[in-house]
């Protein structure tokens, strides 16, 4: 059985994935070759807090794949409460 505690890839943990994040994913059709597609996260599809092959996301290009690498952790879109005076 796979030991989750020895996995150091942050892309396998849902709490590290945010909407608007720039990531590299492997699409289903590219699993054999491992070819990566770069894009921006539009939806997080995996509900579990951890997945051994990467968290499944939908990119803004509507492609679905598992996150293999987080390219720029500072690129996430942050939503803040704005009050009008």
C-alpha atoms as a PDB file:
ATOM      1  CA  UNK A   1       0.000   0.000   0.000  1.00  0.00           C
ATOM      2  CA  UNK A   2       1.172   3.516  -0.772  1.00  0.00           C
ATOM      3  CA  UNK A   3       2.349   5.556   2.220  1.00  0.00           C
ATOM      4  CA  UNK A   4       0.911   9.074   2.065  1.00  0.00           C
ATOM      5  CA  UNK A   5       3.277  10.446   4.685  1.00  0.00           C
ATOM      6  CA  UNK A   6       6.345   9.934   2.463  1.00  0.00           C
ATOM      7  CA  UNK A   7       4.856  11.857  -0.477  1.00  0.00           C
ATOM      8  CA  UNK A   8       6.536  15.256  -0.746  1.00  0.00           C
ATOM      9  CA  UNK A   9       4.719  16.443  -3.883  1.00  0.00           C
ATOM     10  CA  UNK A  10       2.468  19.374  -2.914  1.00  0.00           C
ATOM     11  CA  UNK A  11       0.371  18.770  -6.063  1.00  0.00           C
ATOM     12  CA  UNK A  12      -1.040  15.625  -4.436  1.00  0.00           C
ATOM     13  CA  UNK A  13      -2.694  17.581  -1.614  1.00  0.00           C
ATOM     14  CA  UNK A  14      -5.976  19.407  -2.279  1.00  0.00           C
ATOM     15  CA  UNK A  15      -5.268  22.197   0.220  1.00  0.00           C
ATOM     16  CA  UNK A  16      -2.343  23.341  -1.980  1.00  0.00           C
ATOM     17  CA  UNK A  17      -4.517  23.748  -5.095  1.00  0.00           C
ATOM     18  CA  UNK A  18      -6.467  26.982  -5.581  1.00  0.00           C
ATOM     19  CA  UNK A  19      -8.627  28.397  -8.342  1.00  0.00           C
ATOM     20  CA  UNK A  20      -6.532  30.676 -10.532  1.00  0.00           C
ATOM     21  CA  UNK A  21      -3.306  28.778  -9.824  1.00  0.00           C
ATOM     22  CA  UNK A  22      -0.930  28.091 -12.711  1.00  0.00           C
ATOM     23  CA  UNK A  23      -0.294  24.327 -12.896  1.00  0.00           C
ATOM     24  CA  UNK A  24       1.033  21.541 -15.113  1.00  0.00           C
ATOM     25  CA  UNK A  25      -1.373  18.620 -15.513  1.00  0.00           C
ATOM     26  CA  UNK A  26      -1.354  15.251 -17.255  1.00  0.00           C
ATOM     27  CA  UNK A  27      -4.491  14.756 -19.343  1.00  0.00           C
ATOM     28  CA  UNK A  28      -6.106  11.297 -19.521  1.00  0.00           C
ATOM     29  CA  UNK A  29      -5.028  10.878 -23.150  1.00  0.00           C
ATOM     30  CA  UNK A  30      -1.415  11.695 -22.201  1.00  0.00           C
ATOM     31  CA  UNK A  31      -1.063   9.323 -19.227  1.00  0.00           C
ATOM     32  CA  UNK A  32       1.067   6.835 -21.176  1.00  0.00           C
ATOM     33  CA  UNK A  33       3.532   9.459 -22.363  1.00  0.00           C
ATOM     34  CA  UNK A  34       3.403  11.698 -19.287  1.00  0.00           C
ATOM     35  CA  UNK A  35       3.077  14.783 -21.502  1.00  0.00           C
ATOM     36  CA  UNK A  36       2.122  17.797 -19.424  1.00  0.00           C
ATOM     37  CA  UNK A  37      -0.304  20.567 -20.277  1.00  0.00           C
ATOM     38  CA  UNK A  38       0.060  23.972 -18.636  1.00  0.00           C
ATOM     39  CA  UNK A  39      -2.972  25.996 -17.629  1.00  0.00           C
ATOM     40  CA  UNK A  40      -4.910  27.846 -14.964  1.00  0.00           C
ATOM     41  CA  UNK A  41      -7.169  26.004 -12.513  1.00  0.00           C
ATOM     42  CA  UNK A  42     -10.859  26.799 -13.054  1.00  0.00           C
ATOM     43  CA  UNK A  43     -12.404  23.976 -10.974  1.00  0.00           C
ATOM     44  CA  UNK A  44     -11.079  21.503  -8.423  1.00  0.00           C
ATOM     45  CA  UNK A  45     -12.750  18.166  -9.165  1.00  0.00           C
ATOM     46  CA  UNK A  46     -11.183  15.885  -6.527  1.00  0.00           C
ATOM     47  CA  UNK A  47     -13.004  16.132  -3.201  1.00  0.00           C
ATOM     48  CA  UNK A  48     -10.544  14.021  -1.201  1.00  0.00           C
ATOM     49  CA  UNK A  49      -7.786  15.883   0.685  1.00  0.00           C
ATOM     50  CA  UNK A  50      -5.089  13.690  -0.967  1.00  0.00           C
ATOM     51  CA  UNK A  51      -4.670  11.701  -4.180  1.00  0.00           C
ATOM     52  CA  UNK A  52      -1.585   9.613  -4.977  1.00  0.00           C
ATOM     53  CA  UNK A  53      -1.570  10.523  -8.700  1.00  0.00           C
ATOM     54  CA  UNK A  54      -2.470  14.214  -8.270  1.00  0.00           C
ATOM     55  CA  UNK A  55      -5.573  16.280  -7.649  1.00  0.00           C
ATOM     56  CA  UNK A  56      -7.961  16.298 -10.631  1.00  0.00           C
ATOM     57  CA  UNK A  57      -8.793  19.786 -11.918  1.00  0.00           C
ATOM     58  CA  UNK A  58     -10.456  21.462 -14.872  1.00  0.00           C
ATOM     59  CA  UNK A  59      -8.340  24.125 -16.532  1.00  0.00           C
ATOM     60  CA  UNK A  60      -9.706  27.390 -17.899  1.00  0.00           C
ATOM     61  CA  UNK A  61      -9.331  25.770 -21.350  1.00  0.00           C
ATOM     62  CA  UNK A  62     -11.921  23.145 -20.198  1.00  0.00           C
ATOM     63  CA  UNK A  63      -9.315  20.355 -20.246  1.00  0.00           C
ATOM     64  CA  UNK A  64      -9.364  17.920 -17.305  1.00  0.00           C
ATOM     65  CA  UNK A  65      -6.240  16.381 -15.808  1.00  0.00           C
ATOM     66  CA  UNK A  66      -4.319  15.576 -12.651  1.00  0.00           C
ATOM     67  CA  UNK A  67      -1.979  18.207 -11.248  1.00  0.00           C
ATOM     68  CA  UNK A  68       1.652  17.115 -11.420  1.00  0.00           C
ATOM     69  CA  UNK A  69       3.300  20.429 -10.607  1.00  0.00           C
ATOM     70  CA  UNK A  70       2.339  23.811  -9.189  1.00  0.00           C
ATOM     71  CA  UNK A  71       4.125  26.310 -11.426  1.00  0.00           C
ATOM     72  CA  UNK A  72       3.635  29.579  -9.560  1.00  0.00           C
ATOM     73  CA  UNK A  73       2.141  29.341  -6.061  1.00  0.00           C
ATOM     74  CA  UNK A  74       1.827  33.145  -5.897  1.00  0.00           C
ATOM     75  CA  UNK A  75      -0.461  33.350  -8.948  1.00  0.00           C
ATOM     76  CA  UNK A  76      -3.654  32.302  -7.165  1.00  0.00           C
ATOM     77  CA  UNK A  77      -6.553  34.725  -7.247  1.00  0.00           C
ATOM     78  CA  UNK A  78      -7.476  35.910  -3.817  1.00  0.00           C
ATOM     79  CA  UNK A  79     -11.019  37.037  -3.079  1.00  0.00           C
ATOM     80  CA  UNK A  80     -11.265  39.767  -0.477  1.00  0.00           C
ATOM     81  CA  UNK A  81     -14.261  41.447   1.075  1.00  0.00           C
ATOM     82  CA  UNK A  82     -14.614  45.010  -0.125  1.00  0.00           C
ATOM     83  CA  UNK A  83     -16.738  47.398   1.873  1.00  0.00           C
ATOM     84  CA  UNK A  84     -18.190  50.557   0.451  1.00  0.00           C
ATOM     85  CA  UNK A  85     -18.233  53.701   2.542  1.00  0.00           C
END
